[in-house]
Amino acid sequence: MKTAKDLLLGYLGNINNADEAIKLFADDATLELPYLNSLGLPWQWHGRDVLYKFLQNLPKTFPDFKFQDIKIHIDTPDQVFGEYSIQCTVASTGRPYHQTYMGRLVAENGQIKLLREALDLAQVAKSMFPNGIADLQGK
């Protein structure tokens, strides 16, 4: 049975392969990036079908998305916490996207039950919004 660390590393290593990554998730799993809510962006995906669509869309949004510099800080059989970085380009703007994520994964029965990640919202705005940080005014 896979540990939480095994699952996180498997997810990070297969981020551009939705067919492989989705196998790691429980049928009722949830992926959350809660702080995206403050930018008016979707922040929660629940259930295998919804997660699969999210994972399929990542390479279209970020063509060269690949996690690197993975550091595991807390590792138990059913929970893991780590940091991991990305350096890629946003397809819609052509701007660089340099980000460090912090993620907590909860495993249940050898599958991902919950993955909650935090990220730098200023970088999201600079890279993804048409006018960069200027688009944050009024949010």
Protein backbone atom coordinates (compact mmCIF):
# COMPACT_ATOMS: atom_id res chain seq x y z
CA MET A 1 0.00 0.00 0.00
CA LYS A 2 1.33 3.44 -0.91
CA THR A 3 2.23 5.90 1.82
CA ALA A 4 1.32 9.58 1.72
CA LYS A 5 4.87 10.39 0.59
CA ASP A 6 4.70 7.79 -2.20
CA LEU A 7 1.42 9.34 -3.38
CA LEU A 8 2.71 12.91 -3.30
CA LEU A 9 5.86 12.00 -5.20
CA GLY A 10 3.79 10.01 -7.69
CA TYR A 11 1.42 12.94 -8.20
CA LEU A 12 4.25 15.44 -8.64
CA GLY A 13 6.08 13.15 -11.04
CA ASN A 14 2.99 12.52 -13.17
CA ILE A 15 1.55 16.03 -13.18
CA ASN A 16 1.56 16.13 -17.00
CA ASN A 17 0.06 12.67 -17.35
CA ALA A 18 -3.56 12.84 -16.22
CA ASP A 19 -4.12 9.15 -17.00
CA GLU A 20 -1.42 8.12 -14.50
CA ALA A 21 -1.95 10.86 -11.91
CA ILE A 22 -5.68 10.18 -11.53
CA LYS A 23 -4.97 6.58 -10.51
CA LEU A 24 -3.50 7.93 -7.26
CA PHE A 25 -6.76 9.60 -6.16
CA ALA A 26 -9.68 8.09 -4.26
CA ASP A 27 -13.07 8.31 -5.96
CA ASP A 28 -14.14 11.04 -3.51
CA ALA A 29 -10.80 12.87 -3.34
CA THR A 30 -10.48 16.63 -3.13
CA LEU A 31 -7.78 18.96 -4.46
CA GLU A 32 -7.76 22.45 -2.95
CA LEU A 33 -5.83 25.64 -3.60
CA PRO A 34 -7.87 27.76 -1.14
CA TYR A 35 -6.10 31.08 -1.65
CA LEU A 36 -7.11 31.20 -5.33
CA ASN A 37 -10.57 32.06 -4.03
CA SER A 38 -9.34 35.56 -3.10
CA LEU A 39 -8.53 36.14 -6.78
CA GLY A 40 -11.97 35.03 -7.87
CA LEU A 41 -10.59 31.82 -9.36
CA PRO A 42 -11.82 28.24 -8.85
CA TRP A 43 -10.05 26.75 -5.86
CA GLN A 44 -11.57 23.33 -5.13
CA TRP A 45 -12.02 20.21 -7.24
CA HIS A 46 -13.88 17.22 -5.80
CA GLY A 47 -14.36 13.73 -7.18
CA ARG A 48 -12.32 11.68 -9.62
CA ASP A 49 -14.09 12.89 -12.80
CA VAL A 50 -13.65 16.57 -11.89
CA LEU A 51 -10.03 16.01 -10.86
CA TYR A 52 -9.30 14.21 -14.11
CA LYS A 53 -10.57 17.17 -16.14
CA PHE A 54 -8.46 19.53 -14.02
CA LEU A 55 -5.36 17.39 -14.57
CA GLN A 56 -6.01 17.14 -18.31
CA ASN A 57 -6.19 20.94 -18.54
CA LEU A 58 -2.89 21.68 -16.75
CA PRO A 59 -0.60 21.01 -19.75
CA LYS A 60 -2.84 23.24 -21.90
CA THR A 61 -2.62 26.10 -19.40
CA PHE A 62 1.06 25.55 -18.53
CA PRO A 63 2.69 23.67 -21.44
CA ASP A 64 6.01 22.99 -19.69
CA PHE A 65 4.68 22.42 -16.14
CA LYS A 66 7.06 20.21 -14.15
CA PHE A 67 7.68 20.14 -10.40
CA GLN A 68 11.25 20.42 -9.16
CA ASP A 69 13.16 21.08 -5.93
CA ILE A 70 10.86 18.78 -3.96
CA LYS A 71 11.42 18.96 -0.21
CA ILE A 72 9.50 16.78 2.22
CA HIS A 73 9.21 18.32 5.69
CA ILE A 74 6.69 16.06 7.44
CA ASP A 75 6.24 12.40 6.54
CA THR A 76 3.86 9.97 8.23
CA PRO A 77 2.14 6.98 6.63
CA ASP A 78 -1.12 8.88 6.08
CA GLN A 79 0.01 12.52 5.83
CA VAL A 80 2.86 14.34 4.18
CA PHE A 81 3.80 18.00 3.90
CA GLY A 82 6.24 19.30 1.32
CA GLU A 83 7.39 22.19 -0.81
CA TYR A 84 7.92 22.04 -4.55
CA SER A 85 8.65 24.56 -7.27
CA ILE A 86 7.73 25.17 -10.85
CA GLN A 87 9.21 27.28 -13.62
CA CYS A 88 7.15 27.34 -16.77
CA THR A 89 5.16 29.61 -19.07
CA VAL A 90 1.47 30.48 -19.06
CA ALA A 91 0.01 29.61 -22.47
CA SER A 92 -2.57 32.41 -22.54
CA THR A 93 -0.16 35.25 -21.68
CA GLY A 94 3.26 33.90 -22.69
CA ARG A 95 4.59 35.09 -19.33
CA PRO A 96 6.87 33.10 -17.07
CA TYR A 97 5.29 31.37 -14.09
CA HIS A 98 7.74 30.79 -11.24
CA GLN A 99 6.03 29.40 -8.19
CA THR A 100 6.72 27.54 -4.98
CA TYR A 101 3.88 25.44 -3.65
CA MET A 102 3.40 24.06 -0.16
CA GLY A 103 1.22 20.97 -0.05
CA ARG A 104 -0.37 18.76 2.56
CA LEU A 105 -1.57 15.39 1.34
CA VAL A 106 -3.84 13.09 3.32
CA ALA A 107 -3.84 9.43 2.28
CA GLU A 108 -6.54 6.88 2.94
CA ASN A 109 -6.35 3.23 1.91
CA GLY A 110 -3.30 3.90 -0.28
CA GLN A 111 -4.94 6.70 -2.28
CA ILE A 112 -5.02 10.49 -2.14
CA LYS A 113 -8.03 11.65 -0.12
CA LEU A 114 -7.05 15.32 0.11
CA LEU A 115 -4.34 17.48 -1.40
CA ARG A 116 -4.37 21.08 -0.16
CA GLU A 117 -1.79 23.44 -1.62
CA ALA A 118 -0.76 27.04 -0.94
CA LEU A 119 0.96 29.30 -3.44
CA ASP A 120 2.12 32.89 -4.08
CA LEU A 121 -0.95 34.75 -5.36
CA ALA A 122 1.04 37.75 -6.57
CA GLN A 123 2.89 35.42 -8.94
CA VAL A 124 -0.42 33.99 -10.17
CA ALA A 125 -1.67 37.50 -10.96
CA LYS A 126 1.58 38.62 -12.61
CA SER A 127 1.71 35.55 -14.82
CA MET A 128 -1.92 34.82 -15.61
CA PHE A 129 -4.01 38.00 -15.48
CA PRO A 130 -4.13 40.09 -18.69
CA ASN A 131 -2.83 43.23 -16.90
CA GLY A 132 -0.83 41.41 -14.24
CA ILE A 133 -1.01 42.75 -10.69
CA ALA A 134 -2.98 45.79 -11.87
CA ASP A 135 -5.96 43.44 -12.25
CA LEU A 136 -5.93 42.85 -8.48
CA GLN A 137 -7.29 46.34 -7.79
CA GLY A 138 -10.86 46.00 -6.65
CA LYS A 139 -10.57 42.32 -5.68
